[in-house]
Each structure stands twice: as C-alpha cells, then as structure tokens.
Amino acid sequence: MRIGKLFDIPIRVHWSWLIGFVLITMLIASGGLPFISIRLTPAQEWIVAGTVTICLFLSVLAHELAHSLTAKRLGYSVMSITLMIFGGVSLIGESRSRASHDFLIAAAGPAMSLAIGIVASLLYFVYRDSLATGTTALLQGILFYVGLQNIALAVFNMLPGLPLDGGRVLQSVLWAVSGNRRFSTRVAGRAGQVLAIGMIAAGIVLIIRSNDLTSGLWFFIIAMFILPASTAETRRASRNQRAEKAVGVPVRSVMSMVPTALNASTPLDAAVRNVMSLHPHVSLPVINDGRVTGVISLTDVTSLGLSQNQGIGLTVADVARPVSTFVIDPDSDLSLAQQLLSRRGIDLLLVFENERLSGTVSLSDLEGERRWASEAGSADPDRI
C-alpha cells in the first residue's frame, strides 16, 4: 500500500508491517517501560509503547532513505521504499556497477541508524532528570528508547551475512578484493545462513536455560526471516553464474542430431501409434516438401482431448505448432537457447544452418552442458 512520496521516492507499507507494529508494541508494553520515571496506567503504557514503535518505524524509514538517497547520488534510480515487519527494503533499479558503490549504499543505512541513536541518547543524558514528571518524563523515556533501538538496529544490521546490510558490506569488500561479484554474493549468502542457524541455536539455549518458550521467540522469528532470504541470494548467484558460463558457448557444441521427422501429410493416428508413442517427451520436426514447417509432440495431441473417431482424417500438419518460434542459429550462445526454452515453455529448438535443419537443442542437452560446466568448475574452486 502506497502511503506517500519523499524525495520523489514512493513509500509503501507491506501488510506485515501491521503485524510488526502490534508485536513490537506488545513487547515494549509488557516490559513495563522501566526507563519512564513516573508510574503509568496500563492504558498509558500502551500509548507510550505505540509511540515508541512509531518512532522506531520512522527511524527505519530514515535508514532506508539513507540507502536510497546514497544510491541516487551515485546515479542509480530508486523505484520505491517498502516498510515491512522486520525493517524495510529499498528497491534500486539497476545493479551496482562498482564494489565501492555497493559498499557506500549498504553502509549508509546503518550509519544513519547509528547517528539517530547517538543523537537521541545524548539528548536523553543531557536532559535526564530523575525528578521529572508529566510530559517531560515521558519525552525522556521515549528519547532513551529511540536511542537504544537505533543503536541496536545499526549493530544488528551490520552482522556479516545477507540479506542484512553487514552482509552487503561483506559482499562489496570481497567483490573489491576478488573481482568476482558472484563469488562474493555466494560467500555473503552462506554467512547469512550460518548466522541464521546460530540464532536458532541461541534461541534453543535461551529456552532451555530459562525454561520459557517465549525467551527465544525473537531469535527464531528473526532467523526465519534471514535464512530463506540468504538462501535465495545464494541460489540467485549460482543461477547467474551458470548463465554467465553459457555466454560464448555456441549452440552447435551441444546440439543433437535430428531424432526423427514426420511428414506433414502423415495421418495423425498413425503418427501417434508408430512414432510419437516411442518419443513421448520430445517435440518432433514436421517436414513438408523437404522443409521443416512445424513441430509436434504427444503432449500436443493429448491436450486436444480427441476421441478415436474425432482423430480420423486429421494429419500431423493439422496439429503441428508453427516452426518460426522454435528456430535458432547454430552460432548463437547457449544463454539465448536457455532464454527461449524457459520463456516460451517449449522443450526443443530447431537448429538451422543455410536454411537446412542440422540438429536440435533440448532441455536435456542444456542440462548435460550445465553438469559438465559444474564438474569442470568444481575441479578449480577459485574459478567462478
């Protein structure tokens, strides 16, 4: 849900923000607000706790604005900022072109949180008065909580593991040292996974020691946020690495010979019985006057739901799919073949050279190439 715009950046609130607001308010209120020097009624405790929580989310917004404004200053576009249950996300339009840019953008958020925390804490200690009453006492307590929360936010975000800012700082440093961004992302992602597992272990220890299930609840909740996000970052880096390996590898290096072909005038029932049933998971070329005019598979036929009588009189050409969307040049990169197969939901590409069908590329051909590349890469772990 969009709630406004700051510095030409749309500000959105995810539905999980409401859950976070309630949980954090309950946590603060249940603690009795020990740093408020006056006695509060239960209703006042909830009001103050809600105010502190709102200040926390405003601090998170400032944290994300620091990321976004730094990115804009470096020349990147910022699509939006979204506040969620555990912080926020700044959606930056382009991938960072330099490790130094990644470092500055990642570090800007914790730096802002730390600055807010230090200023709020200094104001608290400068104006602290143990005899204060009324609004003054409430403002002192709120300043204390805002300072404490922002310093904790800065420290927590600088833990070295994705998707936290500290993980992105680690990634940028490794990228600058190694020159390999994919490797750096994988290492920072693994660090995030280790961090999440460590938090789960810490939560279990707290529960055992205190004999209270709620004592380790926040460790589990935060770990369940970090673990899938760090795993996703690691997998994304691996997918990008495989895609990069396919660049520069020609299609002809992995294409298969044409398995078999069907004449366009062949009766459909005969083709199914004598040919397609032998190749149930393969799209077969359809030939007409010596040229490939389409492709057909057993799946195409069964999807029509034809009865035996309805199929009589139909030919292969009546069901075949047009060939124009399934053609690729033998000197094209495997990355293009991967895109065509995945985006169009097909399982076979026809490879034409000098207007003649010279072979095919299937998903199994690409999987074989990936396995080979993976085995070759595993022999030298420093090459990505």
Protein backbone atom coordinates (compact mmCIF):
# COMPACT_ATOMS: atom_id res chain seq x y z
CA MET A 1 0.00 0.00 0.00
CA ARG A 2 1.44 3.37 -1.03
CA ILE A 3 1.34 5.99 1.72
CA GLY A 4 3.22 8.86 0.12
CA LYS A 5 6.42 10.04 -1.55
CA LEU A 6 9.69 11.50 -0.21
CA PHE A 7 12.43 12.89 -2.45
CA ASP A 8 10.45 11.55 -5.44
CA ILE A 9 10.64 8.03 -3.97
CA PRO A 10 7.29 6.23 -3.44
CA ILE A 11 6.88 4.99 0.14
CA ARG A 12 4.89 1.78 0.60
CA VAL A 13 3.79 -0.26 3.60
CA HIS A 14 3.60 -4.05 3.38
CA TRP A 15 0.74 -5.79 5.20
CA SER A 16 3.28 -7.46 7.52
CA TRP A 17 4.09 -4.00 8.93
CA LEU A 18 0.86 -4.13 10.94
CA ILE A 19 1.90 -7.44 12.49
CA GLY A 20 5.29 -5.97 13.34
CA PHE A 21 3.70 -2.87 14.85
CA VAL A 22 1.48 -4.96 17.14
CA LEU A 23 4.26 -7.38 18.16
CA ILE A 24 6.81 -4.67 18.98
CA THR A 25 4.24 -2.56 20.84
CA MET A 26 3.26 -5.60 22.92
CA LEU A 27 6.92 -6.37 23.64
CA ILE A 28 7.64 -2.82 24.83
CA ALA A 29 4.43 -2.52 26.86
CA SER A 30 4.92 -5.92 28.53
CA GLY A 31 8.33 -4.78 29.76
CA GLY A 32 6.70 -2.17 31.98
CA LEU A 33 8.69 0.73 30.45
CA PRO A 34 11.32 0.76 33.25
CA PHE A 35 13.06 3.84 31.84
CA ILE A 36 9.98 6.03 32.34
CA SER A 37 10.49 7.69 35.73
CA ILE A 38 6.79 8.09 36.54
CA ARG A 39 4.14 5.49 37.23
CA LEU A 40 1.89 4.84 34.25
CA THR A 41 -1.53 3.30 34.00
CA PRO A 42 -1.88 0.25 31.68
CA ALA A 43 -3.55 2.46 29.06
CA GLN A 44 -0.71 4.98 29.25
CA GLU A 45 1.86 2.18 28.91
CA TRP A 46 0.22 1.05 25.67
CA ILE A 47 0.07 4.62 24.34
CA VAL A 48 3.75 5.22 25.09
CA ALA A 49 4.72 1.80 23.68
CA GLY A 50 2.80 2.59 20.47
CA THR A 51 4.53 5.98 20.24
CA VAL A 52 7.95 4.35 20.66
CA THR A 53 7.09 1.79 17.96
CA ILE A 54 6.04 4.54 15.55
CA CYS A 55 9.36 6.31 16.26
CA LEU A 56 11.14 3.02 15.51
CA PHE A 57 9.45 2.67 12.12
CA LEU A 58 10.20 6.32 11.34
CA SER A 59 13.81 5.52 12.15
CA VAL A 60 13.63 2.53 9.77
CA LEU A 61 12.27 4.87 7.10
CA ALA A 62 15.23 7.21 7.68
CA HIS A 63 17.52 4.16 7.46
CA GLU A 64 16.06 3.18 4.07
CA LEU A 65 16.11 6.78 2.83
CA ALA A 66 19.84 6.84 3.56
CA HIS A 67 20.27 3.79 1.32
CA SER A 68 18.08 5.28 -1.41
CA LEU A 69 19.48 8.82 -1.41
CA THR A 70 23.03 7.47 -1.50
CA ALA A 71 22.07 5.32 -4.48
CA LYS A 72 20.51 8.32 -6.25
CA ARG A 73 23.60 10.41 -5.52
CA LEU A 74 25.71 7.72 -7.21
CA GLY A 75 23.49 7.78 -10.29
CA TYR A 76 21.10 4.88 -9.69
CA SER A 77 17.31 5.05 -9.88
CA VAL A 78 15.23 4.13 -6.83
CA MET A 79 11.86 2.57 -7.56
CA SER A 80 10.37 2.55 -4.04
CA ILE A 81 10.85 2.02 -0.31
CA THR A 82 8.68 -0.59 1.40
CA LEU A 83 8.33 -0.90 5.18
CA MET A 84 7.76 -4.45 6.44
CA ILE A 85 7.60 -6.44 9.67
CA PHE A 86 11.39 -6.55 10.06
CA GLY A 87 12.60 -3.24 8.71
CA GLY A 88 12.33 -2.14 5.12
CA VAL A 89 13.53 -2.61 1.55
CA SER A 90 14.84 -0.02 -0.89
CA LEU A 91 14.22 -1.16 -4.47
CA ILE A 92 17.09 0.15 -6.60
CA GLY A 93 16.53 -0.02 -10.34
CA GLU A 94 19.99 -1.04 -11.53
CA SER A 95 22.62 -3.47 -10.34
CA ARG A 96 25.62 -1.71 -8.83
CA SER A 97 28.47 -1.29 -11.31
CA ARG A 98 31.26 -0.95 -8.72
CA ALA A 99 32.09 -2.60 -5.42
CA SER A 100 32.64 0.84 -3.88
CA HIS A 101 29.09 1.85 -4.81
CA ASP A 102 27.71 -1.32 -3.22
CA PHE A 103 29.71 -0.57 -0.06
CA LEU A 104 28.56 3.05 0.23
CA ILE A 105 24.88 2.23 -0.38
CA ALA A 106 24.91 -0.66 2.09
CA ALA A 107 26.77 1.26 4.81
CA ALA A 108 24.60 4.37 4.55
CA GLY A 109 21.62 2.77 6.32
CA PRO A 110 23.41 1.58 9.49
CA ALA A 111 25.31 4.89 9.56
CA MET A 112 22.00 6.77 9.65
CA SER A 113 20.61 4.49 12.39
CA LEU A 114 23.77 4.93 14.45
CA ALA A 115 23.63 8.72 14.04
CA ILE A 116 19.98 8.85 15.16
CA GLY A 117 20.78 6.57 18.10
CA ILE A 118 23.73 8.66 19.25
CA VAL A 119 21.82 11.95 18.98
CA ALA A 120 18.77 10.59 20.86
CA SER A 121 20.97 9.06 23.56
CA LEU A 122 22.95 12.28 24.03
CA LEU A 123 19.73 14.28 24.35
CA TYR A 124 18.49 11.79 26.93
CA PHE A 125 21.63 12.02 29.07
CA VAL A 126 21.90 15.81 28.72
CA TYR A 127 18.31 16.46 29.81
CA ARG A 128 17.84 13.47 32.11
CA ASP A 129 16.12 14.39 35.34
CA SER A 130 15.12 11.67 37.79
CA LEU A 131 12.60 14.05 39.35
CA ALA A 132 10.89 14.94 36.09
CA THR A 133 7.15 14.45 35.89
CA GLY A 134 4.38 14.51 33.29
CA THR A 135 5.23 15.12 29.65
CA THR A 136 8.91 15.79 30.41
CA ALA A 137 9.33 12.34 31.95
CA LEU A 138 7.58 10.70 29.00
CA LEU A 139 9.76 12.53 26.46
CA GLN A 140 12.91 11.46 28.35
CA GLY A 141 11.80 7.84 28.28
CA ILE A 142 10.92 7.99 24.58
CA LEU A 143 14.33 9.52 23.79
CA PHE A 144 16.01 6.66 25.68
CA TYR A 145 14.09 4.01 23.75
CA VAL A 146 14.67 5.69 20.36
CA GLY A 147 18.39 5.92 21.08
CA LEU A 148 18.60 2.31 22.26
CA GLN A 149 16.54 0.97 19.34
CA ASN A 150 18.55 2.77 16.67
CA ILE A 151 21.91 1.73 18.07
CA ALA A 152 20.62 -1.86 18.27
CA LEU A 153 19.30 -1.54 14.70
CA ALA A 154 22.68 -0.35 13.45
CA VAL A 155 24.57 -3.13 15.25
CA PHE A 156 22.14 -5.85 14.14
CA ASN A 157 22.15 -4.70 10.51
CA MET A 158 25.94 -4.79 10.43
CA LEU A 159 26.07 -8.51 11.22
CA PRO A 160 28.06 -10.03 8.32
CA GLY A 161 25.50 -12.04 6.39
CA LEU A 162 22.97 -11.46 3.62
CA PRO A 163 20.32 -10.07 3.46
CA LEU A 164 21.50 -7.72 6.24
CA ASP A 165 23.45 -4.57 5.40
CA GLY A 166 26.53 -6.07 7.00
CA GLY A 167 26.26 -8.93 4.54
CA ARG A 168 26.18 -6.47 1.66
CA VAL A 169 29.20 -4.66 3.10
CA LEU A 170 30.98 -8.04 3.31
CA GLN A 171 29.92 -8.81 -0.26
CA SER A 172 31.26 -5.48 -1.55
CA VAL A 173 34.61 -5.93 0.23
CA LEU A 174 35.02 -9.46 -1.14
CA TRP A 175 33.99 -8.20 -4.58
CA ALA A 176 36.64 -5.47 -4.44
CA VAL A 177 39.33 -7.95 -3.33
CA SER A 178 38.44 -10.88 -5.60
CA GLY A 179 36.97 -9.04 -8.55
CA ASN A 180 34.21 -11.66 -8.69
CA ARG A 181 30.76 -10.48 -7.67
CA ARG A 182 29.04 -13.88 -7.94
CA PHE A 183 31.61 -15.49 -5.65
CA SER A 184 31.25 -12.64 -3.18
CA THR A 185 27.47 -12.97 -3.14
CA ARG A 186 27.67 -16.71 -2.51
CA VAL A 187 30.08 -16.24 0.41
CA ALA A 188 27.94 -13.49 1.98
CA GLY A 189 24.83 -15.62 1.44
CA ARG A 190 26.45 -18.60 3.16
CA ALA A 191 27.44 -16.30 6.01
CA GLY A 192 23.79 -15.29 6.36
CA GLN A 193 22.75 -18.95 6.52
CA VAL A 194 25.33 -19.61 9.26
CA LEU A 195 24.13 -16.52 11.13
CA ALA A 196 20.51 -17.70 10.99
CA ILE A 197 21.43 -21.19 12.23
CA GLY A 198 23.45 -19.59 15.04
CA MET A 199 20.42 -17.53 16.08
CA ILE A 200 18.25 -20.64 16.13
CA ALA A 201 20.82 -22.34 18.36
CA ALA A 202 20.93 -19.30 20.64
CA GLY A 203 17.15 -19.34 20.90
CA ILE A 204 17.17 -23.02 21.89
CA VAL A 205 19.82 -22.35 24.56
CA LEU A 206 17.75 -19.48 25.99
CA ILE A 207 14.63 -21.64 26.12
CA ILE A 208 16.46 -24.46 27.89
CA ARG A 209 18.12 -22.16 30.41
CA SER A 210 15.05 -20.12 31.23
CA ASN A 211 12.53 -22.93 30.80
CA ASP A 212 10.38 -20.39 28.96
CA LEU A 213 9.37 -20.85 25.33
CA THR A 214 8.91 -17.11 24.77
CA SER A 215 12.51 -16.26 25.79
CA GLY A 216 13.94 -17.42 22.47
CA LEU A 217 10.96 -16.46 20.31
CA TRP A 218 12.54 -13.39 18.72
CA PHE A 219 15.68 -15.34 17.78
CA PHE A 220 13.53 -17.85 15.93
CA ILE A 221 11.42 -15.18 14.22
CA ILE A 222 14.46 -13.22 13.02
CA ALA A 223 16.25 -16.42 11.93
CA MET A 224 13.21 -17.42 9.87
CA PHE A 225 13.50 -14.05 8.13
CA ILE A 226 17.24 -14.28 7.48
CA LEU A 227 17.54 -17.95 6.45
CA PRO A 228 15.25 -18.01 3.37
CA ALA A 229 16.49 -14.61 2.20
CA SER A 230 20.17 -15.62 2.43
CA THR A 231 19.40 -18.93 0.72
CA ALA A 232 17.64 -17.09 -2.11
CA GLU A 233 20.63 -14.77 -2.56
CA THR A 234 22.98 -17.77 -2.76
CA ARG A 235 20.82 -19.58 -5.30
CA ARG A 236 20.43 -16.45 -7.41
CA ALA A 237 24.20 -16.04 -7.56
CA SER A 238 24.57 -19.68 -8.64
CA ARG A 239 21.94 -19.26 -11.37
CA ASN A 240 23.65 -16.11 -12.63
CA GLN A 241 26.96 -17.94 -12.63
CA ARG A 242 25.52 -20.74 -14.80
CA ALA A 243 24.02 -18.18 -17.16
CA GLU A 244 27.38 -16.42 -17.46
CA LYS A 245 29.10 -19.71 -18.29
CA ALA A 246 26.69 -20.19 -21.18
CA VAL A 247 27.74 -16.89 -22.75
CA GLY A 248 30.20 -17.52 -25.55
CA VAL A 249 29.35 -21.23 -25.85
CA PRO A 250 27.78 -21.85 -29.28
CA VAL A 251 24.62 -23.88 -29.70
CA ARG A 252 26.34 -26.20 -32.18
CA SER A 253 28.59 -27.50 -29.39
CA VAL A 254 25.68 -29.18 -27.58
CA MET A 255 23.03 -29.73 -30.27
CA SER A 256 21.81 -33.23 -31.00
CA MET A 257 21.21 -34.85 -34.35
CA VAL A 258 17.60 -34.68 -35.53
CA PRO A 259 15.93 -37.68 -33.78
CA THR A 260 13.31 -38.36 -36.44
CA ALA A 261 10.91 -36.37 -38.55
CA LEU A 262 7.25 -36.70 -39.53
CA ASN A 263 5.81 -35.98 -42.94
CA ALA A 264 3.14 -33.31 -42.76
CA SER A 265 0.64 -35.49 -44.62
CA THR A 266 1.06 -38.48 -42.25
CA PRO A 267 -2.27 -39.45 -40.64
CA LEU A 268 -2.30 -38.30 -37.04
CA ASP A 269 -3.38 -41.65 -35.59
CA ALA A 270 -0.58 -43.48 -37.43
CA ALA A 271 2.00 -40.93 -36.27
CA VAL A 272 0.90 -41.31 -32.65
CA ARG A 273 0.88 -45.10 -32.82
CA ASN A 274 4.12 -45.66 -34.70
CA VAL A 275 6.35 -42.68 -33.86
CA MET A 276 5.24 -40.28 -31.12
CA SER A 277 4.49 -43.05 -28.65
CA LEU A 278 8.17 -44.01 -28.92
CA HIS A 279 9.23 -40.42 -28.12
CA PRO A 280 6.54 -39.30 -25.63
CA HIS A 281 8.51 -36.37 -24.17
CA VAL A 282 10.09 -34.98 -27.35
CA SER A 283 8.86 -32.43 -29.87
CA LEU A 284 9.43 -33.85 -33.36
CA PRO A 285 10.02 -31.85 -36.57
CA VAL A 286 7.28 -31.90 -39.22
CA ILE A 287 8.53 -31.97 -42.84
CA ASN A 288 6.65 -30.65 -45.85
CA ASP A 289 8.30 -30.69 -49.29
CA GLY A 290 11.72 -31.12 -47.69
CA ARG A 291 11.34 -28.19 -45.30
CA VAL A 292 10.51 -28.14 -41.58
CA THR A 293 7.16 -26.40 -41.23
CA GLY A 294 6.32 -27.23 -37.60
CA VAL A 295 6.90 -29.38 -34.54
CA ILE A 296 4.58 -31.80 -32.77
CA SER A 297 4.66 -33.82 -29.56
CA LEU A 298 2.47 -36.41 -27.91
CA THR A 299 1.54 -33.74 -25.36
CA ASP A 300 0.15 -31.56 -28.16
CA VAL A 301 -2.10 -34.37 -29.31
CA THR A 302 -3.35 -35.47 -25.89
CA SER A 303 -4.09 -31.87 -24.91
CA LEU A 304 -6.71 -31.74 -27.67
CA GLY A 305 -8.74 -34.44 -25.91
CA LEU A 306 -9.75 -36.07 -29.18
CA SER A 307 -11.67 -39.32 -29.19
CA GLN A 308 -10.62 -42.09 -31.58
CA ASN A 309 -13.32 -41.13 -34.09
CA GLN A 310 -12.51 -37.42 -33.92
CA GLY A 311 -8.88 -38.10 -34.81
CA ILE A 312 -9.76 -39.86 -38.06
CA GLY A 313 -8.94 -37.73 -41.09
CA LEU A 314 -6.52 -35.43 -39.24
CA THR A 315 -2.90 -35.22 -40.35
CA VAL A 316 0.22 -34.27 -38.48
CA ALA A 317 0.12 -30.83 -40.12
CA ASP A 318 -3.32 -30.16 -38.58
CA VAL A 319 -1.89 -30.30 -35.03
CA ALA A 320 1.74 -29.19 -35.51
CA ARG A 321 2.86 -25.91 -33.98
CA PRO A 322 4.44 -23.24 -36.26
CA VAL A 323 8.18 -23.66 -36.56
CA SER A 324 9.09 -19.96 -36.63
CA THR A 325 9.11 -19.70 -32.84
CA PHE A 326 11.38 -22.72 -32.39
CA VAL A 327 14.35 -21.88 -34.64
CA ILE A 328 17.85 -20.90 -33.52
CA ASP A 329 21.15 -20.36 -35.30
CA PRO A 330 24.00 -22.83 -34.56
CA ASP A 331 26.38 -20.00 -33.68
CA SER A 332 24.01 -18.43 -31.13
CA ASP A 333 25.02 -18.51 -27.46
CA LEU A 334 23.59 -21.18 -25.18
CA SER A 335 22.32 -18.31 -23.00
CA LEU A 336 19.88 -17.41 -25.80
CA ALA A 337 18.76 -21.04 -26.07
CA GLN A 338 18.15 -21.10 -22.31
CA GLN A 339 16.02 -17.96 -22.52
CA LEU A 340 13.95 -19.26 -25.44
CA LEU A 341 13.26 -22.61 -23.81
CA SER A 342 12.33 -21.15 -20.43
CA ARG A 343 10.33 -18.10 -21.55
CA ARG A 344 8.30 -19.88 -24.24
CA GLY A 345 7.71 -23.06 -22.26
CA ILE A 346 9.00 -25.36 -25.02
CA ASP A 347 11.28 -28.38 -24.88
CA LEU A 348 13.00 -28.29 -28.27
CA LEU A 349 14.73 -25.77 -30.51
CA LEU A 350 15.43 -26.49 -34.18
CA VAL A 351 18.92 -25.53 -35.32
CA PHE A 352 19.01 -24.25 -38.91
CA GLU A 353 22.16 -23.59 -40.93
CA ASN A 354 21.96 -22.34 -44.52
CA GLU A 355 18.19 -22.95 -44.47
CA ARG A 356 18.71 -26.63 -43.66
CA LEU A 357 17.82 -28.39 -40.42
CA SER A 358 21.13 -29.50 -38.89
CA GLY A 359 20.09 -30.51 -35.38
CA THR A 360 18.06 -29.76 -32.27
CA VAL A 361 18.68 -28.37 -28.79
CA SER A 362 16.58 -29.65 -25.91
CA LEU A 363 16.41 -29.09 -22.17
CA SER A 364 18.33 -32.33 -21.66
CA ASP A 365 21.15 -31.02 -23.91
CA LEU A 366 21.42 -27.89 -21.76
CA GLU A 367 21.32 -29.92 -18.53
CA GLY A 368 24.21 -32.00 -19.83
CA GLU A 369 26.21 -28.85 -20.54
CA ARG A 370 25.45 -27.49 -17.05
CA ARG A 371 26.60 -30.73 -15.40
CA TRP A 372 29.81 -30.64 -17.42
CA ALA A 373 30.45 -27.00 -16.51
CA SER A 374 29.70 -27.72 -12.85
CA GLU A 375 32.16 -30.61 -12.77
CA ALA A 376 34.79 -28.55 -14.53
CA GLY A 377 34.27 -25.68 -12.09
CA SER A 378 34.45 -27.94 -9.04
CA ALA A 379 37.96 -29.01 -10.04
CA ASP A 380 39.11 -25.41 -9.54
CA PRO A 381 37.04 -23.70 -6.81
CA ASP A 382 38.75 -20.35 -7.35
CA ARG A 383 37.30 -20.03 -10.85
CA ILE A 384 33.70 -18.98 -10.99
